[in-house]
PDB file of all heavy atoms in Angstrom:
ATOM      1  N   SER A   1      90.752 176.638  96.572  1.00  0.00           N
ATOM      2  CA  SER A   1      90.490 175.227  96.855  1.00  0.00           C
ATOM      3  C   SER A   1      89.327 175.099  97.820  1.00  0.00           C
ATOM      4  O   SER A   1      89.010 176.034  98.565  1.00  0.00           O
ATOM      5  CB  SER A   1      91.734 174.544  97.441  1.00  0.00           C
ATOM      6  OG  SER A   1      92.096 175.133  98.673  1.00  0.00           O
ATOM      7  N   ALA A   2      88.692 173.939  97.780  1.00  0.00           N
ATOM      8  CA  ALA A   2      87.674 173.563  98.761  1.00  0.00           C
ATOM      9  C   ALA A   2      87.937 172.105  99.091  1.00  0.00           C
ATOM     10  O   ALA A   2      87.731 171.223  98.255  1.00  0.00           O
ATOM     11  CB  ALA A   2      86.273 173.760  98.199  1.00  0.00           C
ATOM     12  N   ARG A   3      88.408 171.867 100.312  1.00  0.00           N
ATOM     13  CA  ARG A   3      88.850 170.520 100.657  1.00  0.00           C
ATOM     14  C   ARG A   3      88.247 170.090 101.997  1.00  0.00           C
ATOM     15  O   ARG A   3      87.954 170.931 102.855  1.00  0.00           O
ATOM     16  CB  ARG A   3      90.375 170.452 100.719  1.00  0.00           C
ATOM     17  CG  ARG A   3      91.062 170.777  99.388  1.00  0.00           C
ATOM     18  CD  ARG A   3      92.559 170.553  99.468  1.00  0.00           C
ATOM     19  NE  ARG A   3      92.857 169.154  99.796  1.00  0.00           N
ATOM     20  CZ  ARG A   3      94.081 168.725 100.104  1.00  0.00           C
ATOM     21  NH1 ARG A   3      95.084 169.575 100.140  1.00  0.00           N
ATOM     22  NH2 ARG A   3      94.277 167.444 100.397  1.00  0.00           N
ATOM     23  N   THR A   4      88.119 168.784 102.159  1.00  0.00           N
ATOM     24  CA  THR A   4      87.566 168.271 103.409  1.00  0.00           C
ATOM     25  C   THR A   4      88.147 166.893 103.709  1.00  0.00           C
ATOM     26  O   THR A   4      88.530 166.154 102.786  1.00  0.00           O
ATOM     27  CB  THR A   4      86.029 168.176 103.345  1.00  0.00           C
ATOM     28  OG1 THR A   4      85.535 167.707 104.607  1.00  0.00           O
ATOM     29  CG2 THR A   4      85.580 167.242 102.235  1.00  0.00           C
ATOM     30  N   LEU A   5      88.204 166.571 104.976  1.00  0.00           N
ATOM     31  CA  LEU A   5      88.577 165.222 105.397  1.00  0.00           C
ATOM     32  C   LEU A   5      87.362 164.305 105.455  1.00  0.00           C
ATOM     33  O   LEU A   5      87.488 163.137 105.847  1.00  0.00           O
ATOM     34  CB  LEU A   5      89.273 165.271 106.763  1.00  0.00           C
ATOM     35  CG  LEU A   5      90.586 166.069 106.831  1.00  0.00           C
ATOM     36  CD1 LEU A   5      91.201 165.959 108.212  1.00  0.00           C
ATOM     37  CD2 LEU A   5      91.568 165.601 105.760  1.00  0.00           C
ATOM     38  N   GLY A   6      86.208 164.841 105.081  1.00  0.00           N
ATOM     39  CA  GLY A   6      84.996 164.031 105.009  1.00  0.00           C
ATOM     40  C   GLY A   6      84.220 164.012 106.307  1.00  0.00           C
ATOM     41  O   GLY A   6      84.727 164.377 107.367  1.00  0.00           O
ATOM     42  N   PRO A   7      82.965 163.587 106.243  1.00  0.00           N
ATOM     43  CA  PRO A   7      82.116 163.597 107.438  1.00  0.00           C
ATOM     44  C   PRO A   7      82.619 162.689 108.550  1.00  0.00           C
ATOM     45  O   PRO A   7      82.341 162.923 109.727  1.00  0.00           O
ATOM     46  CB  PRO A   7      80.755 163.124 106.904  1.00  0.00           C
ATOM     47  CG  PRO A   7      81.056 162.416 105.625  1.00  0.00           C
ATOM     48  CD  PRO A   7      82.246 163.105 105.052  1.00  0.00           C
ATOM     49  N   GLN A   8      83.363 161.651 108.192  1.00  0.00           N
ATOM     50  CA  GLN A   8      83.917 160.750 109.207  1.00  0.00           C
ATOM     51  C   GLN A   8      85.333 161.133 109.604  1.00  0.00           C
ATOM     52  O   GLN A   8      85.898 160.554 110.537  1.00  0.00           O
ATOM     53  CB  GLN A   8      83.906 159.302 108.684  1.00  0.00           C
ATOM     54  CG  GLN A   8      82.550 158.803 108.229  1.00  0.00           C
ATOM     55  CD  GLN A   8      81.509 158.913 109.328  1.00  0.00           C
ATOM     56  OE1 GLN A   8      81.764 158.571 110.483  1.00  0.00           O
ATOM     57  NE2 GLN A   8      80.312 159.387 108.966  1.00  0.00           N
ATOM     58  N   GLY A   9      85.910 162.102 108.890  1.00  0.00           N
ATOM     59  CA  GLY A   9      87.286 162.475 109.163  1.00  0.00           C
ATOM     60  C   GLY A   9      88.264 161.421 108.683  1.00  0.00           C
ATOM     61  O   GLY A   9      87.900 160.478 107.964  1.00  0.00           O
ATOM     62  N   GLN A  10      89.518 161.592 109.073  1.00  0.00           N
ATOM     63  CA  GLN A  10      90.543 160.615 108.735  1.00  0.00           C
ATOM     64  C   GLN A  10      91.182 160.106 110.025  1.00  0.00           C
ATOM     65  O   GLN A  10      91.462 160.882 110.942  1.00  0.00           O
ATOM     66  CB  GLN A  10      91.601 161.202 107.808  1.00  0.00           C
ATOM     67  CG  GLN A  10      91.091 161.450 106.403  1.00  0.00           C
ATOM     68  CD  GLN A  10      92.208 161.772 105.422  1.00  0.00           C
ATOM     69  OE1 GLN A  10      93.382 161.728 105.751  1.00  0.00           O
ATOM     70  NE2 GLN A  10      91.823 162.087 104.189  1.00  0.00           N
ATOM     71  N   THR A  11      91.426 158.790 110.071  1.00  0.00           N
ATOM     72  CA  THR A  11      91.981 158.158 111.256  1.00  0.00           C
ATOM     73  C   THR A  11      93.335 157.542 110.924  1.00  0.00           C
ATOM     74  O   THR A  11      93.513 156.946 109.854  1.00  0.00           O
ATOM     75  CB  THR A  11      91.040 157.063 111.786  1.00  0.00           C
ATOM     76  OG1 THR A  11      89.774 157.641 112.097  1.00  0.00           O
ATOM     77  CG2 THR A  11      91.611 156.396 113.034  1.00  0.00           C
ATOM     78  N   GLY A  12      94.269 157.706 111.833  1.00  0.00           N
ATOM     79  CA  GLY A  12      95.588 157.122 111.628  1.00  0.00           C
ATOM     80  C   GLY A  12      96.357 157.075 112.926  1.00  0.00           C
ATOM     81  O   GLY A  12      95.990 157.702 113.932  1.00  0.00           O
ATOM     82  N   GLU A  13      97.434 156.332 112.893  1.00  0.00           N
ATOM     83  CA  GLU A  13      98.323 156.218 114.040  1.00  0.00           C
ATOM     84  C   GLU A  13      99.052 157.540 114.272  1.00  0.00           C
ATOM     85  O   GLU A  13      99.308 158.296 113.334  1.00  0.00           O
ATOM     86  CB  GLU A  13      99.324 155.093 113.788  1.00  0.00           C
ATOM     87  CG  GLU A  13     100.263 154.793 114.938  1.00  0.00           C
ATOM     88  CD  GLU A  13     101.246 153.688 114.604  1.00  0.00           C
ATOM     89  OE1 GLU A  13     100.957 152.905 113.676  1.00  0.00           O
ATOM     90  OE2 GLU A  13     102.302 153.614 115.260  1.00  0.00           O
ATOM     91  N   ILE A  14      99.389 157.820 115.514  1.00  0.00           N
ATOM     92  CA  ILE A  14     100.130 159.027 115.869  1.00  0.00           C
ATOM     93  C   ILE A  14     101.604 158.672 116.071  1.00  0.00           C
ATOM     94  O   ILE A  14     101.934 157.725 116.798  1.00  0.00           O
ATOM     95  CB  ILE A  14      99.576 159.661 117.157  1.00  0.00           C
ATOM     96  CG1 ILE A  14      98.134 160.125 116.959  1.00  0.00           C
ATOM     97  CG2 ILE A  14     100.452 160.837 117.595  1.00  0.00           C
ATOM     98  CD1 ILE A  14      97.479 160.638 118.225  1.00  0.00           C
ATOM     99  N   VAL A  15     102.482 159.444 115.430  1.00  0.00           N
ATOM    100  CA  VAL A  15     103.922 159.332 115.651  1.00  0.00           C
ATOM    101  C   VAL A  15     104.370 160.601 116.370  1.00  0.00           C
ATOM    102  O   VAL A  15     104.274 161.699 115.814  1.00  0.00           O
ATOM    103  CB  VAL A  15     104.690 159.162 114.330  1.00  0.00           C
ATOM    104  CG1 VAL A  15     106.203 159.113 114.601  1.00  0.00           C
ATOM    105  CG2 VAL A  15     104.232 157.904 113.606  1.00  0.00           C
ATOM    106  N   ASP A  16     104.837 160.448 117.598  1.00  0.00           N
ATOM    107  CA  ASP A  16     105.214 161.590 118.438  1.00  0.00           C
ATOM    108  C   ASP A  16     106.704 161.867 118.285  1.00  0.00           C
ATOM    109  O   ASP A  16     107.546 161.081 118.728  1.00  0.00           O
ATOM    110  CB  ASP A  16     104.875 161.281 119.902  1.00  0.00           C
ATOM    111  CG  ASP A  16     105.129 162.460 120.826  1.00  0.00           C
ATOM    112  OD1 ASP A  16     105.532 163.539 120.329  1.00  0.00           O
ATOM    113  OD2 ASP A  16     104.930 162.307 122.050  1.00  0.00           O
ATOM    114  N   ILE A  17     107.049 162.997 117.655  1.00  0.00           N
ATOM    115  CA  ILE A  17     108.465 163.348 117.489  1.00  0.00           C
ATOM    116  C   ILE A  17     108.907 164.402 118.502  1.00  0.00           C
ATOM    117  O   ILE A  17     110.070 164.824 118.482  1.00  0.00           O
ATOM    118  CB  ILE A  17     108.767 163.832 116.058  1.00  0.00           C
ATOM    119  CG1 ILE A  17     108.036 165.151 115.757  1.00  0.00           C
ATOM    120  CG2 ILE A  17     108.401 162.759 115.040  1.00  0.00           C
ATOM    121  CD1 ILE A  17     108.487 165.805 114.458  1.00  0.00           C
ATOM    122  N   GLY A  18     107.998 164.854 119.369  1.00  0.00           N
ATOM    123  CA  GLY A  18     108.355 165.845 120.383  1.00  0.00           C
ATOM    124  C   GLY A  18     108.905 167.106 119.755  1.00  0.00           C
ATOM    125  O   GLY A  18     108.347 167.640 118.790  1.00  0.00           O
ATOM    126  N   SER A  19     110.038 167.596 120.270  1.00  0.00           N
ATOM    127  CA  SER A  19     110.658 168.802 119.732  1.00  0.00           C
ATOM    128  C   SER A  19     111.771 168.474 118.745  1.00  0.00           C
ATOM    129  O   SER A  19     112.548 169.354 118.373  1.00  0.00           O
ATOM    130  CB  SER A  19     111.220 169.662 120.870  1.00  0.00           C
ATOM    131  OG  SER A  19     112.163 168.919 121.636  1.00  0.00           O
ATOM    132  N   GLY A  20     111.837 167.190 118.319  1.00  0.00           N
ATOM    133  CA  GLY A  20     112.852 166.781 117.363  1.00  0.00           C
ATOM    134  C   GLY A  20     112.358 166.906 115.929  1.00  0.00           C
ATOM    135  O   GLY A  20     111.456 167.683 115.618  1.00  0.00           O
ATOM    136  N   THR A  21     112.954 166.113 115.048  1.00  0.00           N
ATOM    137  CA  THR A  21     112.562 166.106 113.639  1.00  0.00           C
ATOM    138  C   THR A  21     112.059 164.709 113.268  1.00  0.00           C
ATOM    139  O   THR A  21     112.217 163.754 114.022  1.00  0.00           O
ATOM    140  CB  THR A  21     113.747 166.483 112.735  1.00  0.00           C
ATOM    141  OG1 THR A  21     114.794 165.511 112.907  1.00  0.00           O
ATOM    142  CG2 THR A  21     114.282 167.866 113.091  1.00  0.00           C
ATOM    143  N   ILE A  22     111.477 164.610 112.088  1.00  0.00           N
ATOM    144  CA  ILE A  22     110.952 163.328 111.645  1.00  0.00           C
ATOM    145  C   ILE A  22     112.080 162.338 111.383  1.00  0.00           C
ATOM    146  O   ILE A  22     111.993 161.166 111.736  1.00  0.00           O
ATOM    147  CB  ILE A  22     110.072 163.518 110.400  1.00  0.00           C
ATOM    148  CG1 ILE A  22     108.788 164.254 110.792  1.00  0.00           C
ATOM    149  CG2 ILE A  22     109.737 162.177 109.747  1.00  0.00           C
ATOM    150  CD1 ILE A  22     107.908 164.630 109.628  1.00  0.00           C
ATOM    151  N   GLY A  23     113.161 162.825 110.779  1.00  0.00           N
ATOM    152  CA  GLY A  23     114.301 161.963 110.532  1.00  0.00           C
ATOM    153  C   GLY A  23     113.909 160.719 109.756  1.00  0.00           C
ATOM    154  O   GLY A  23     113.289 160.785 108.693  1.00  0.00           O
ATOM    155  N   THR A  24     114.251 159.544 110.315  1.00  0.00           N
ATOM    156  CA  THR A  24     113.950 158.270 109.645  1.00  0.00           C
ATOM    157  C   THR A  24     112.641 157.638 110.127  1.00  0.00           C
ATOM    158  O   THR A  24     112.332 156.499 109.769  1.00  0.00           O
ATOM    159  CB  THR A  24     115.101 157.276 109.880  1.00  0.00           C
ATOM    160  OG1 THR A  24     115.268 157.075 111.291  1.00  0.00           O
ATOM    161  CG2 THR A  24     116.400 157.800 109.284  1.00  0.00           C
ATOM    162  N   SER A  25     111.872 158.366 110.933  1.00  0.00           N
ATOM    163  CA  SER A  25     110.607 157.816 111.441  1.00  0.00           C
ATOM    164  C   SER A  25     109.644 157.533 110.288  1.00  0.00           C
ATOM    165  O   SER A  25     109.544 158.321 109.345  1.00  0.00           O
ATOM    166  CB  SER A  25     109.956 158.789 112.422  1.00  0.00           C
ATOM    167  OG  SER A  25     110.784 159.031 113.530  1.00  0.00           O
ATOM    168  N   ASP A  26     108.938 156.430 110.388  1.00  0.00           N
ATOM    169  CA  ASP A  26     107.939 156.078 109.383  1.00  0.00           C
ATOM    170  C   ASP A  26     106.633 156.792 109.724  1.00  0.00           C
ATOM    171  O   ASP A  26     105.928 156.429 110.667  1.00  0.00           O
ATOM    172  CB  ASP A  26     107.725 154.567 109.374  1.00  0.00           C
ATOM    173  CG  ASP A  26     106.628 154.146 108.385  1.00  0.00           C
ATOM    174  OD1 ASP A  26     106.271 154.971 107.518  1.00  0.00           O
ATOM    175  OD2 ASP A  26     106.125 153.011 108.509  1.00  0.00           O
ATOM    176  N   VAL A  27     106.327 157.834 108.984  1.00  0.00           N
ATOM    177  CA  VAL A  27     105.107 158.606 109.254  1.00  0.00           C
ATOM    178  C   VAL A  27     104.110 158.529 108.106  1.00  0.00           C
ATOM    179  O   VAL A  27     103.078 159.200 108.136  1.00  0.00           O
ATOM    180  CB  VAL A  27     105.444 160.082 109.549  1.00  0.00           C
ATOM    181  CG1 VAL A  27     106.364 160.203 110.753  1.00  0.00           C
ATOM    182  CG2 VAL A  27     106.068 160.765 108.331  1.00  0.00           C
ATOM    183  N   LYS A  28     104.373 157.712 107.107  1.00  0.00           N
ATOM    184  CA  LYS A  28     103.474 157.638 105.960  1.00  0.00           C
ATOM    185  C   LYS A  28     102.101 157.138 106.410  1.00  0.00           C
ATOM    186  O   LYS A  28     101.966 156.104 107.070  1.00  0.00           O
ATOM    187  CB  LYS A  28     104.047 156.693 104.897  1.00  0.00           C
ATOM    188  CG  LYS A  28     103.234 156.700 103.604  1.00  0.00           C
ATOM    189  CD  LYS A  28     103.929 155.891 102.522  1.00  0.00           C
ATOM    190  CE  LYS A  28     103.138 155.964 101.217  1.00  0.00           C
ATOM    191  NZ  LYS A  28     103.809 155.185 100.127  1.00  0.00           N
ATOM    192  N   GLY A  29     101.063 157.919 106.051  1.00  0.00           N
ATOM    193  CA  GLY A  29      99.708 157.568 106.429  1.00  0.00           C
ATOM    194  C   GLY A  29      99.424 157.726 107.919  1.00  0.00           C
ATOM    195  O   GLY A  29      98.437 157.177 108.414  1.00  0.00           O
ATOM    196  N   LYS A  30     100.246 158.498 108.612  1.00  0.00           N
ATOM    197  CA  LYS A  30     100.102 158.677 110.054  1.00  0.00           C
ATOM    198  C   LYS A  30     100.081 160.172 110.401  1.00  0.00           C
ATOM    199  O   LYS A  30     100.461 161.019 109.597  1.00  0.00           O
ATOM    200  CB  LYS A  30     101.261 157.988 110.793  1.00  0.00           C
ATOM    201  CG  LYS A  30     101.379 156.503 110.475  1.00  0.00           C
ATOM    202  CD  LYS A  30     102.627 155.898 111.092  1.00  0.00           C
ATOM    203  CE  LYS A  30     102.787 154.429 110.685  1.00  0.00           C
ATOM    204  NZ  LYS A  30     104.020 153.828 111.247  1.00  0.00           N
ATOM    205  N   TRP A  31      99.644 160.461 111.623  1.00  0.00           N
ATOM    206  CA  TRP A  31      99.671 161.838 112.126  1.00  0.00           C
ATOM    207  C   TRP A  31     101.007 162.097 112.811  1.00  0.00           C
ATOM    208  O   TRP A  31     101.470 161.277 113.604  1.00  0.00           O
ATOM    209  CB  TRP A  31      98.543 162.076 113.134  1.00  0.00           C
ATOM    210  CG  TRP A  31      97.168 161.848 112.605  1.00  0.00           C
ATOM    211  CD1 TRP A  31      96.318 160.828 112.920  1.00  0.00           C
ATOM    212  CD2 TRP A  31      96.478 162.656 111.648  1.00  0.00           C
ATOM    213  NE1 TRP A  31      95.142 160.943 112.234  1.00  0.00           N
ATOM    214  CE2 TRP A  31      95.207 162.061 111.435  1.00  0.00           C
ATOM    215  CE3 TRP A  31      96.792 163.810 110.953  1.00  0.00           C
ATOM    216  CZ2 TRP A  31      94.265 162.595 110.563  1.00  0.00           C
ATOM    217  CZ3 TRP A  31      95.852 164.346 110.078  1.00  0.00           C
ATOM    218  CH2 TRP A  31      94.612 163.756 109.884  1.00  0.00           C
ATOM    219  N   VAL A  32     101.598 163.251 112.530  1.00  0.00           N
ATOM    220  CA  VAL A  32     102.834 163.654 113.192  1.00  0.00           C
ATOM    221  C   VAL A  32     102.483 164.595 114.342  1.00  0.00           C
ATOM    222  O   VAL A  32     101.903 165.664 114.126  1.00  0.00           O
ATOM    223  CB  VAL A  32     103.803 164.346 112.217  1.00  0.00           C
ATOM    224  CG1 VAL A  32     105.022 164.882 112.970  1.00  0.00           C
ATOM    225  CG2 VAL A  32     104.239 163.382 111.119  1.00  0.00           C
ATOM    226  N   LEU A  33     102.811 164.172 115.550  1.00  0.00           N
ATOM    227  CA  LEU A  33     102.610 164.998 116.743  1.00  0.00           C
ATOM    228  C   LEU A  33     103.939 165.659 117.071  1.00  0.00           C
ATOM    229  O   LEU A  33     104.951 164.970 117.265  1.00  0.00           O
ATOM    230  CB  LEU A  33     102.136 164.128 117.912  1.00  0.00           C
ATOM    231  CG  LEU A  33     101.978 164.811 119.275  1.00  0.00           C
ATOM    232  CD1 LEU A  33     100.843 165.831 119.237  1.00  0.00           C
ATOM    233  CD2 LEU A  33     101.726 163.768 120.364  1.00  0.00           C
ATOM    234  N   PHE A  34     103.965 167.002 117.115  1.00  0.00           N
ATOM    235  CA  PHE A  34     105.233 167.698 117.351  1.00  0.00           C
ATOM    236  C   PHE A  34     105.031 168.895 118.263  1.00  0.00           C
ATOM    237  O   PHE A  34     103.922 169.423 118.388  1.00  0.00           O
ATOM    238  CB  PHE A  34     105.856 168.148 116.019  1.00  0.00           C
ATOM    239  CG  PHE A  34     105.176 169.339 115.377  1.00  0.00           C
ATOM    240  CD1 PHE A  34     105.712 170.609 115.473  1.00  0.00           C
ATOM    241  CD2 PHE A  34     103.989 169.183 114.657  1.00  0.00           C
ATOM    242  CE1 PHE A  34     105.097 171.705 114.884  1.00  0.00           C
ATOM    243  CE2 PHE A  34     103.360 170.270 114.062  1.00  0.00           C
ATOM    244  CZ  PHE A  34     103.912 171.541 114.177  1.00  0.00           C
ATOM    245  N   ASP A  35     106.115 169.306 118.904  1.00  0.00           N
ATOM    246  CA  ASP A  35     106.116 170.504 119.743  1.00  0.00           C
ATOM    247  C   ASP A  35     106.578 171.685 118.900  1.00  0.00           C
ATOM    248  O   ASP A  35     107.710 171.687 118.387  1.00  0.00           O
ATOM    249  CB  ASP A  35     107.055 170.337 120.932  1.00  0.00           C
ATOM    250  CG  ASP A  35     106.558 169.323 121.939  1.00  0.00           C
ATOM    251  OD1 ASP A  35     105.336 169.242 122.135  1.00  0.00           O
ATOM    252  OD2 ASP A  35     107.397 168.604 122.525  1.00  0.00           O
ATOM    253  N   LEU A  36     105.709 172.686 118.734  1.00  0.00           N
ATOM    254  CA  LEU A  36     106.101 173.891 118.013  1.00  0.00           C
ATOM    255  C   LEU A  36     107.066 174.696 118.880  1.00  0.00           C
ATOM    256  O   LEU A  36     106.770 175.005 120.032  1.00  0.00           O
ATOM    257  CB  LEU A  36     104.882 174.755 117.688  1.00  0.00           C
ATOM    258  CG  LEU A  36     105.203 176.016 116.878  1.00  0.00           C
ATOM    259  CD1 LEU A  36     105.502 175.665 115.429  1.00  0.00           C
ATOM    260  CD2 LEU A  36     104.061 177.030 116.966  1.00  0.00           C
ATOM    261  N   LYS A  37     108.217 175.040 118.309  1.00  0.00           N
ATOM    262  CA  LYS A  37     109.219 175.807 119.040  1.00  0.00           C
ATOM    263  C   LYS A  37     109.353 177.202 118.429  1.00  0.00           C
ATOM    264  O   LYS A  37     109.397 177.364 117.205  1.00  0.00           O
ATOM    265  CB  LYS A  37     110.577 175.099 119.007  1.00  0.00           C
ATOM    266  CG  LYS A  37     110.551 173.648 119.513  1.00  0.00           C
ATOM    267  CD  LYS A  37     109.983 173.530 120.913  1.00  0.00           C
ATOM    268  CE  LYS A  37     110.857 174.183 121.973  1.00  0.00           C
ATOM    269  NZ  LYS A  37     110.283 174.004 123.336  1.00  0.00           N
ATOM    270  N   PHE A  38     109.403 178.193 119.299  1.00  0.00           N
ATOM    271  CA  PHE A  38     109.690 179.564 118.877  1.00  0.00           C
ATOM    272  C   PHE A  38     111.209 179.721 118.887  1.00  0.00           C
ATOM    273  O   PHE A  38     111.845 179.600 119.930  1.00  0.00           O
ATOM    274  CB  PHE A  38     109.035 180.565 119.821  1.00  0.00           C
ATOM    275  CG  PHE A  38     107.524 180.515 119.821  1.00  0.00           C
ATOM    276  CD1 PHE A  38     106.800 181.133 120.829  1.00  0.00           C
ATOM    277  CD2 PHE A  38     106.828 179.860 118.820  1.00  0.00           C
ATOM    278  CE1 PHE A  38     105.411 181.094 120.841  1.00  0.00           C
ATOM    279  CE2 PHE A  38     105.432 179.817 118.814  1.00  0.00           C
ATOM    280  CZ  PHE A  38     104.730 180.431 119.832  1.00  0.00           C
ATOM    281  N   GLU A  39     111.793 180.001 117.722  1.00  0.00           N
ATOM    282  CA  GLU A  39     113.226 179.792 117.520  1.00  0.00           C
ATOM    283  C   GLU A  39     114.092 181.050 117.550  1.00  0.00           C
ATOM    284  O   GLU A  39     115.323 180.941 117.422  1.00  0.00           O
ATOM    285  CB  GLU A  39     113.454 179.080 116.185  1.00  0.00           C
ATOM    286  CG  GLU A  39     112.851 177.681 116.145  1.00  0.00           C
ATOM    287  CD  GLU A  39     113.212 176.928 114.893  1.00  0.00           C
ATOM    288  OE1 GLU A  39     113.292 177.560 113.824  1.00  0.00           O
ATOM    289  OE2 GLU A  39     113.395 175.707 114.987  1.00  0.00           O
ATOM    290  N   LEU A  40     113.508 182.211 117.688  1.00  0.00           N
ATOM    291  CA  LEU A  40     114.338 183.416 117.601  1.00  0.00           C
ATOM    292  C   LEU A  40     114.206 184.241 118.879  1.00  0.00           C
ATOM    293  O   LEU A  40     113.385 185.160 118.955  1.00  0.00           O
ATOM    294  CB  LEU A  40     113.936 184.255 116.393  1.00  0.00           C
ATOM    295  CG  LEU A  40     114.895 185.396 116.025  1.00  0.00           C
ATOM    296  CD1 LEU A  40     116.265 184.847 115.645  1.00  0.00           C
ATOM    297  CD2 LEU A  40     114.333 186.212 114.872  1.00  0.00           C
ATOM    298  N   PRO A  41     115.003 183.962 119.911  1.00  0.00           N
ATOM    299  CA  PRO A  41     114.964 184.774 121.128  1.00  0.00           C
ATOM    300  C   PRO A  41     115.607 186.134 120.889  1.00  0.00           C
ATOM    301  O   PRO A  41     116.370 186.327 119.936  1.00  0.00           O
ATOM    302  CB  PRO A  41     115.777 183.941 122.121  1.00  0.00           C
ATOM    303  CG  PRO A  41     116.738 183.191 121.271  1.00  0.00           C
ATOM    304  CD  PRO A  41     115.992 182.877 119.999  1.00  0.00           C
TER     305      PRO A  41
END
């Protein structure tokens, strides 16, 4: 593949889910901001 967001990029609202999950949050057409967790101590 060869893909791009274009010279202007893509702009959208940010939905911050922290260290949780998306669940019922409306994220369509938006950026999902999340905390990456390392899960196997």
